[in-house]
C-alpha cells in the first residue's frame, strides 16, 4: 500500500461520468486538506482501489454500471469499516435514500450542493460525524415513526451518563468537547463510547443516531 500523508484526507471519487470526477477534483483541490488520490468509473474499480491504497473517505454516486453504489457501500463497510463514505448523487427518491441509510454510509448529499457544503461534509465525516441532507433526515425520521411505540427496551441498559454522552454524540460533539462539558477525561468518554456501541449493537455513528432517534433519546 502507498504511504499516507496524515495531514491530508485521502479521497476516492467513484462516478461513471469522467467529467463529473474532473469537476470534483477541481473543487476539492482548493480545499487544502483534502486530496483526491484515486478515481473509479465503477464499483468494481473502486473495490480494487480500496484493496490496494489507503483511503480515508469514498465519495460515490449510486447508479453505476457493474455494481451499484449501495452494493459498493455494503462491501466496503464489511471489508474496510474504518473507511468513511459520503454519497453524492442526483437521486433523491425515498427508496434510494432509505437503502443508503440502512447501508450505514456516513453521509448523503445531492449533486446540486455548493462546494462549501461538500467540503464541510467531507471534513465533518472525517472527524467522526455524519452529514445528511434535509431530505435524508426527513426520511430517516419518517421510517422510524411506526416503530417508536416498541422502543425503550434497550435504553434501560444504558446508564444515565451513557445517555448523556449519546445525546452529545448526536449533537456532533467530539470526545474532547464531551469531556469538557461533563468534566471528565477524554479517555473516560472513549470508554463510555465503547460501552454505548456494544449495548446498542451499533457499528457506526449512523447506527447510534438511528438508535437514539428510535428510542426517543433525541428528536
C-alpha atoms as a PDB file:
ATOM      1  CA  UNK A   1       0.000   0.000   0.000  1.00  0.00           C
ATOM      2  CA  UNK A   2       1.039   3.589  -0.567  1.00  0.00           C
ATOM      3  CA  UNK A   3       2.108   5.593   2.494  1.00  0.00           C
ATOM      4  CA  UNK A   4      -0.401   8.145   3.696  1.00  0.00           C
ATOM      5  CA  UNK A   5       0.208  11.808   4.471  1.00  0.00           C
ATOM      6  CA  UNK A   6      -1.613  12.189   7.807  1.00  0.00           C
ATOM      7  CA  UNK A   7      -2.178  15.896   7.172  1.00  0.00           C
ATOM      8  CA  UNK A   8      -4.486  15.109   4.241  1.00  0.00           C
ATOM      9  CA  UNK A   9      -7.849  13.407   3.851  1.00  0.00           C
ATOM     10  CA  UNK A  10      -7.323  10.847   1.098  1.00  0.00           C
ATOM     11  CA  UNK A  11     -10.400  10.641  -1.115  1.00  0.00           C
ATOM     12  CA  UNK A  12     -11.548   8.107  -3.691  1.00  0.00           C
ATOM     13  CA  UNK A  13     -14.160   9.523  -6.093  1.00  0.00           C
ATOM     14  CA  UNK A  14     -16.483   6.961  -7.697  1.00  0.00           C
ATOM     15  CA  UNK A  15     -18.764   8.020 -10.540  1.00  0.00           C
ATOM     16  CA  UNK A  16     -19.460   6.691 -14.028  1.00  0.00           C
ATOM     17  CA  UNK A  17     -19.052  10.146 -15.594  1.00  0.00           C
ATOM     18  CA  UNK A  18     -15.437  11.260 -16.003  1.00  0.00           C
ATOM     19  CA  UNK A  19     -16.425  14.893 -16.482  1.00  0.00           C
ATOM     20  CA  UNK A  20     -18.077  14.876 -13.048  1.00  0.00           C
ATOM     21  CA  UNK A  21     -14.997  13.335 -11.435  1.00  0.00           C
ATOM     22  CA  UNK A  22     -12.832  16.013 -13.055  1.00  0.00           C
ATOM     23  CA  UNK A  23     -15.100  18.714 -11.646  1.00  0.00           C
ATOM     24  CA  UNK A  24     -14.970  17.253  -8.129  1.00  0.00           C
ATOM     25  CA  UNK A  25     -11.180  17.046  -8.279  1.00  0.00           C
ATOM     26  CA  UNK A  26     -11.009  20.696  -9.273  1.00  0.00           C
ATOM     27  CA  UNK A  27     -13.283  21.753  -6.403  1.00  0.00           C
ATOM     28  CA  UNK A  28     -11.505  19.684  -3.755  1.00  0.00           C
ATOM     29  CA  UNK A  29      -8.050  20.759  -4.921  1.00  0.00           C
ATOM     30  CA  UNK A  30      -8.789  24.167  -3.413  1.00  0.00           C
ATOM     31  CA  UNK A  31      -9.742  22.729  -0.011  1.00  0.00           C
ATOM     32  CA  UNK A  32      -6.144  22.403   1.161  1.00  0.00           C
ATOM     33  CA  UNK A  33      -6.548  19.420   3.483  1.00  0.00           C
ATOM     34  CA  UNK A  34      -8.373  17.150   1.009  1.00  0.00           C
ATOM     35  CA  UNK A  35      -6.672  15.169  -1.745  1.00  0.00           C
ATOM     36  CA  UNK A  36      -8.297  13.028  -4.419  1.00  0.00           C
ATOM     37  CA  UNK A  37      -5.779  10.191  -4.563  1.00  0.00           C
ATOM     38  CA  UNK A  38      -7.817   7.878  -6.793  1.00  0.00           C
ATOM     39  CA  UNK A  39     -10.852   7.722  -9.046  1.00  0.00           C
ATOM     40  CA  UNK A  40     -13.081   4.929 -10.304  1.00  0.00           C
ATOM     41  CA  UNK A  41     -15.735   4.740 -13.004  1.00  0.00           C
ATOM     42  CA  UNK A  42     -17.458   1.730 -11.433  1.00  0.00           C
ATOM     43  CA  UNK A  43     -17.929  -0.062  -8.136  1.00  0.00           C
ATOM     44  CA  UNK A  44     -15.653  -2.905  -9.226  1.00  0.00           C
ATOM     45  CA  UNK A  45     -12.833  -0.476  -9.966  1.00  0.00           C
ATOM     46  CA  UNK A  46     -13.411   1.109  -6.561  1.00  0.00           C
ATOM     47  CA  UNK A  47     -13.051  -2.266  -4.818  1.00  0.00           C
ATOM     48  CA  UNK A  48      -9.682  -2.810  -6.481  1.00  0.00           C
ATOM     49  CA  UNK A  49      -8.501   0.621  -5.355  1.00  0.00           C
ATOM     50  CA  UNK A  50      -9.565   0.421  -1.693  1.00  0.00           C
ATOM     51  CA  UNK A  51      -7.938  -3.014  -1.516  1.00  0.00           C
ATOM     52  CA  UNK A  52      -4.593  -1.549  -2.601  1.00  0.00           C
ATOM     53  CA  UNK A  53      -4.488   2.037  -1.324  1.00  0.00           C
ATOM     54  CA  UNK A  54      -5.064   3.758   1.994  1.00  0.00           C
ATOM     55  CA  UNK A  55      -8.341   5.601   1.517  1.00  0.00           C
ATOM     56  CA  UNK A  56      -9.933   7.719   4.243  1.00  0.00           C
ATOM     57  CA  UNK A  57     -13.212   8.542   2.543  1.00  0.00           C
ATOM     58  CA  UNK A  58     -15.080   7.329  -0.528  1.00  0.00           C
ATOM     59  CA  UNK A  59     -17.213   9.869  -2.369  1.00  0.00           C
ATOM     60  CA  UNK A  60     -19.591   7.832  -4.506  1.00  0.00           C
ATOM     61  CA  UNK A  61     -22.640   8.019  -6.732  1.00  0.00           C
ATOM     62  CA  UNK A  62     -25.446   5.431  -6.544  1.00  0.00           C
ATOM     63  CA  UNK A  63     -26.372   4.480 -10.106  1.00  0.00           C
ATOM     64  CA  UNK A  64     -23.321   2.969 -11.812  1.00  0.00           C
ATOM     65  CA  UNK A  65     -22.556   0.043 -14.138  1.00  0.00           C
ATOM     66  CA  UNK A  66     -21.465  -3.409 -12.900  1.00  0.00           C
ATOM     67  CA  UNK A  67     -22.147  -2.668  -9.232  1.00  0.00           C
ATOM     68  CA  UNK A  68     -24.500  -0.160  -7.614  1.00  0.00           C
ATOM     69  CA  UNK A  69     -23.322   2.385  -5.090  1.00  0.00           C
ATOM     70  CA  UNK A  70     -25.336   0.630  -2.387  1.00  0.00           C
ATOM     71  CA  UNK A  71     -23.599  -2.682  -3.093  1.00  0.00           C
ATOM     72  CA  UNK A  72     -20.239  -0.914  -3.011  1.00  0.00           C
ATOM     73  CA  UNK A  73     -21.014   0.697   0.348  1.00  0.00           C
ATOM     74  CA  UNK A  74     -22.035  -2.621   1.906  1.00  0.00           C
ATOM     75  CA  UNK A  75     -18.859  -4.282   0.634  1.00  0.00           C
ATOM     76  CA  UNK A  76     -16.621  -1.504   1.960  1.00  0.00           C
ATOM     77  CA  UNK A  77     -18.352  -1.461   5.352  1.00  0.00           C
ATOM     78  CA  UNK A  78     -17.816  -5.211   5.631  1.00  0.00           C
ATOM     79  CA  UNK A  79     -14.204  -5.334   4.464  1.00  0.00           C
ATOM     80  CA  UNK A  80     -12.911  -1.881   5.472  1.00  0.00           C
ATOM     81  CA  UNK A  81     -15.295  -0.484   8.129  1.00  0.00           C
ATOM     82  CA  UNK A  82     -12.862   2.313   9.014  1.00  0.00           C
ATOM     83  CA  UNK A  83     -13.346   3.932   5.592  1.00  0.00           C
ATOM     84  CA  UNK A  84     -15.909   6.741   5.667  1.00  0.00           C
ATOM     85  CA  UNK A  85     -18.479   7.015   2.886  1.00  0.00           C
ATOM     86  CA  UNK A  86     -20.250  10.086   1.541  1.00  0.00           C
ATOM     87  CA  UNK A  87     -22.884   9.560  -1.138  1.00  0.00           C
ATOM     88  CA  UNK A  88     -23.078  12.377  -3.683  1.00  0.00           C
ATOM     89  CA  UNK A  89     -25.894  11.763  -6.118  1.00  0.00           C
ATOM     90  CA  UNK A  90     -28.724  13.335  -8.089  1.00  0.00           C
ATOM     91  CA  UNK A  91     -31.187  10.691  -6.861  1.00  0.00           C
ATOM     92  CA  UNK A  92     -33.439  11.798  -4.008  1.00  0.00           C
ATOM     93  CA  UNK A  93     -36.140   9.119  -4.155  1.00  0.00           C
ATOM     94  CA  UNK A  94     -37.339   7.801  -0.798  1.00  0.00           C
ATOM     95  CA  UNK A  95     -36.392   4.174  -1.526  1.00  0.00           C
ATOM     96  CA  UNK A  96     -32.875   5.135  -2.594  1.00  0.00           C
ATOM     97  CA  UNK A  97     -32.274   7.253   0.498  1.00  0.00           C
ATOM     98  CA  UNK A  98     -33.668   4.519   2.757  1.00  0.00           C
ATOM     99  CA  UNK A  99     -31.243   1.996   1.247  1.00  0.00           C
ATOM    100  CA  UNK A 100     -28.295   4.320   1.808  1.00  0.00           C
ATOM    101  CA  UNK A 101     -29.280   4.967   5.420  1.00  0.00           C
ATOM    102  CA  UNK A 102     -29.605   1.224   6.030  1.00  0.00           C
ATOM    103  CA  UNK A 103     -26.173   0.636   4.485  1.00  0.00           C
ATOM    104  CA  UNK A 104     -24.749   2.936   7.199  1.00  0.00           C
ATOM    105  CA  UNK A 105     -22.927   5.353   4.939  1.00  0.00           C
ATOM    106  CA  UNK A 106     -21.836   8.380   6.951  1.00  0.00           C
ATOM    107  CA  UNK A 107     -23.356  10.927   4.610  1.00  0.00           C
ATOM    108  CA  UNK A 108     -25.796  11.615   1.789  1.00  0.00           C
ATOM    109  CA  UNK A 109     -25.977  14.845  -0.203  1.00  0.00           C
ATOM    110  CA  UNK A 110     -27.303  15.830  -3.610  1.00  0.00           C
ATOM    111  CA  UNK A 111     -25.215  16.905  -6.590  1.00  0.00           C
ATOM    112  CA  UNK A 112     -26.759  20.369  -6.579  1.00  0.00           C
ATOM    113  CA  UNK A 113     -24.864  21.092  -3.344  1.00  0.00           C
ATOM    114  CA  UNK A 114     -22.405  24.005  -3.394  1.00  0.00           C
ATOM    115  CA  UNK A 115     -18.670  23.456  -2.979  1.00  0.00           C
ATOM    116  CA  UNK A 116     -18.575  24.862   0.549  1.00  0.00           C
ATOM    117  CA  UNK A 117     -21.161  22.378   1.809  1.00  0.00           C
ATOM    118  CA  UNK A 118     -19.393  19.489   0.063  1.00  0.00           C
ATOM    119  CA  UNK A 119     -16.090  20.358   1.727  1.00  0.00           C
ATOM    120  CA  UNK A 120     -17.831  20.844   5.081  1.00  0.00           C
ATOM    121  CA  UNK A 121     -19.497  17.427   4.742  1.00  0.00           C
ATOM    122  CA  UNK A 122     -16.185  15.701   3.996  1.00  0.00           C
ATOM    123  CA  UNK A 123     -14.437  17.333   6.948  1.00  0.00           C
ATOM    124  CA  UNK A 124     -17.297  16.583   9.317  1.00  0.00           C
ATOM    125  CA  UNK A 125     -17.466  12.920   8.333  1.00  0.00           C
ATOM    126  CA  UNK A 126     -13.694  12.503   8.502  1.00  0.00           C
ATOM    127  CA  UNK A 127     -13.776  13.950  12.039  1.00  0.00           C
ATOM    128  CA  UNK A 128     -16.193  11.206  13.093  1.00  0.00           C
ATOM    129  CA  UNK A 129     -19.541  12.845  12.415  1.00  0.00           C
ATOM    130  CA  UNK A 130     -22.277  12.319   9.862  1.00  0.00           C
ATOM    131  CA  UNK A 131     -23.763  14.596   7.224  1.00  0.00           C
ATOM    132  CA  UNK A 132     -27.182  14.079   5.652  1.00  0.00           C
ATOM    133  CA  UNK A 133     -29.163  16.495   3.524  1.00  0.00           C
ATOM    134  CA  UNK A 134     -32.604  17.565   4.776  1.00  0.00           C
ATOM    135  CA  UNK A 135     -34.388  15.066   2.523  1.00  0.00           C
ATOM    136  CA  UNK A 136     -32.430  12.175   4.030  1.00  0.00           C
ATOM    137  CA  UNK A 137     -33.017  13.300   7.618  1.00  0.00           C
ATOM    138  CA  UNK A 138     -36.754  13.610   6.984  1.00  0.00           C
ATOM    139  CA  UNK A 139     -36.941  10.100   5.546  1.00  0.00           C
ATOM    140  CA  UNK A 140     -34.855   8.675   8.396  1.00  0.00           C
ATOM    141  CA  UNK A 141     -37.317  10.114  10.913  1.00  0.00           C
ATOM    142  CA  UNK A 142     -40.391   9.009   8.946  1.00  0.00           C
ATOM    143  CA  UNK A 143     -39.098   5.443   8.641  1.00  0.00           C
ATOM    144  CA  UNK A 144     -38.774   5.164  12.407  1.00  0.00           C
ATOM    145  CA  UNK A 145     -42.133   6.626  13.429  1.00  0.00           C
ATOM    146  CA  UNK A 146     -44.172   3.398  13.056  1.00  0.00           C
ATOM    147  CA  UNK A 147     -41.675   1.513  15.228  1.00  0.00           C
ATOM    148  CA  UNK A 148     -41.239   4.007  18.039  1.00  0.00           C
ATOM    149  CA  UNK A 149     -44.091   2.515  20.057  1.00  0.00           C
ATOM    150  CA  UNK A 150     -41.954  -0.565  20.614  1.00  0.00           C
ATOM    151  CA  UNK A 151     -38.907   1.429  21.668  1.00  0.00           C
ATOM    152  CA  UNK A 152     -37.355   1.710  25.091  1.00  0.00           C
ATOM    153  CA  UNK A 153     -36.234  -1.788  25.993  1.00  0.00           C
ATOM    154  CA  UNK A 154     -32.551  -1.295  25.179  1.00  0.00           C
ATOM    155  CA  UNK A 155     -32.419   2.174  26.733  1.00  0.00           C
ATOM    156  CA  UNK A 156     -32.763   0.613  30.181  1.00  0.00           C
ATOM    157  CA  UNK A 157     -29.356  -0.987  29.655  1.00  0.00           C
ATOM    158  CA  UNK A 158     -27.685   2.426  29.303  1.00  0.00           C
ATOM    159  CA  UNK A 159     -26.542   4.320  32.376  1.00  0.00           C
ATOM    160  CA  UNK A 160     -27.561   7.947  32.893  1.00  0.00           C
ATOM    161  CA  UNK A 161     -24.027   9.021  31.948  1.00  0.00           C
ATOM    162  CA  UNK A 162     -24.122   6.923  28.774  1.00  0.00           C
ATOM    163  CA  UNK A 163     -27.422   8.504  27.751  1.00  0.00           C
ATOM    164  CA  UNK A 164     -25.889  11.954  28.315  1.00  0.00           C
ATOM    165  CA  UNK A 165     -22.913  11.085  26.147  1.00  0.00           C
ATOM    166  CA  UNK A 166     -25.099   9.546  23.435  1.00  0.00           C
ATOM    167  CA  UNK A 167     -27.136  12.757  23.275  1.00  0.00           C
ATOM    168  CA  UNK A 168     -23.958  14.805  22.879  1.00  0.00           C
ATOM    169  CA  UNK A 169     -22.624  12.452  20.199  1.00  0.00           C
ATOM    170  CA  UNK A 170     -25.852  13.002  18.268  1.00  0.00           C
ATOM    171  CA  UNK A 171     -25.267  16.751  18.620  1.00  0.00           C
ATOM    172  CA  UNK A 172     -21.878  16.245  16.910  1.00  0.00           C
ATOM    173  CA  UNK A 173     -19.701  16.857  19.966  1.00  0.00           C
ATOM    174  CA  UNK A 174     -16.207  15.370  19.785  1.00  0.00           C
ATOM    175  CA  UNK A 175     -14.717  13.312  22.631  1.00  0.00           C
ATOM    176  CA  UNK A 176     -12.710  16.316  23.807  1.00  0.00           C
ATOM    177  CA  UNK A 177     -15.777  18.575  23.759  1.00  0.00           C
ATOM    178  CA  UNK A 178     -17.871  15.999  25.618  1.00  0.00           C
ATOM    179  CA  UNK A 179     -15.130  15.621  28.224  1.00  0.00           C
ATOM    180  CA  UNK A 180     -15.002  19.381  28.804  1.00  0.00           C
ATOM    181  CA  UNK A 181     -18.783  19.669  29.032  1.00  0.00           C
ATOM    182  CA  UNK A 182     -19.165  16.789  31.505  1.00  0.00           C
ATOM    183  CA  UNK A 183     -15.930  17.482  33.446  1.00  0.00           C
ATOM    184  CA  UNK A 184     -14.447  14.062  32.730  1.00  0.00           C
ATOM    185  CA  UNK A 185     -11.381  12.945  30.780  1.00  0.00           C
ATOM    186  CA  UNK A 186     -11.436  12.180  27.028  1.00  0.00           C
ATOM    187  CA  UNK A 187     -10.269   8.657  27.898  1.00  0.00           C
ATOM    188  CA  UNK A 188     -13.343   8.192  30.095  1.00  0.00           C
ATOM    189  CA  UNK A 189     -15.538   9.443  27.257  1.00  0.00           C
ATOM    190  CA  UNK A 190     -13.957   6.936  24.884  1.00  0.00           C
ATOM    191  CA  UNK A 191     -14.630   4.125  27.368  1.00  0.00           C
ATOM    192  CA  UNK A 192     -18.284   5.173  27.602  1.00  0.00           C
ATOM    193  CA  UNK A 193     -18.498   5.326  23.790  1.00  0.00           C
ATOM    194  CA  UNK A 194     -17.283   1.743  23.516  1.00  0.00           C
ATOM    195  CA  UNK A 195     -19.889   0.631  26.055  1.00  0.00           C
ATOM    196  CA  UNK A 196     -22.617   2.523  24.180  1.00  0.00           C
ATOM    197  CA  UNK A 197     -21.679   0.937  20.861  1.00  0.00           C
ATOM    198  CA  UNK A 198     -21.726  -2.506  22.475  1.00  0.00           C
ATOM    199  CA  UNK A 199     -25.005  -2.049  24.361  1.00  0.00           C
ATOM    200  CA  UNK A 200     -26.834  -0.581  21.361  1.00  0.00           C
ATOM    201  CA  UNK A 201     -25.369  -3.147  18.968  1.00  0.00           C
ATOM    202  CA  UNK A 202     -24.229  -0.282  16.733  1.00  0.00           C
ATOM    203  CA  UNK A 203     -21.193  -0.349  14.472  1.00  0.00           C
ATOM    204  CA  UNK A 204     -21.128   3.250  13.288  1.00  0.00           C
ATOM    205  CA  UNK A 205     -22.158   6.747  14.354  1.00  0.00           C
ATOM    206  CA  UNK A 206     -25.088   6.429  11.936  1.00  0.00           C
ATOM    207  CA  UNK A 207     -26.217   3.348  13.833  1.00  0.00           C
ATOM    208  CA  UNK A 208     -26.000   5.229  17.136  1.00  0.00           C
ATOM    209  CA  UNK A 209     -28.060   8.119  15.796  1.00  0.00           C
ATOM    210  CA  UNK A 210     -30.700   5.731  14.449  1.00  0.00           C
ATOM    211  CA  UNK A 211     -30.836   4.029  17.857  1.00  0.00           C
ATOM    212  CA  UNK A 212     -31.159   7.377  19.643  1.00  0.00           C
ATOM    213  CA  UNK A 213     -33.993   8.526  17.368  1.00  0.00           C
ATOM    214  CA  UNK A 214     -35.746   5.158  17.563  1.00  0.00           C
ATOM    215  CA  UNK A 215     -35.662   5.257  21.364  1.00  0.00           C
ATOM    216  CA  UNK A 216     -36.636   8.930  21.713  1.00  0.00           C
ATOM    217  CA  UNK A 217     -33.259   9.845  23.220  1.00  0.00           C
ATOM    218  CA  UNK A 218     -33.060  12.627  20.638  1.00  0.00           C
ATOM    219  CA  UNK A 219     -35.753  14.023  18.385  1.00  0.00           C
END
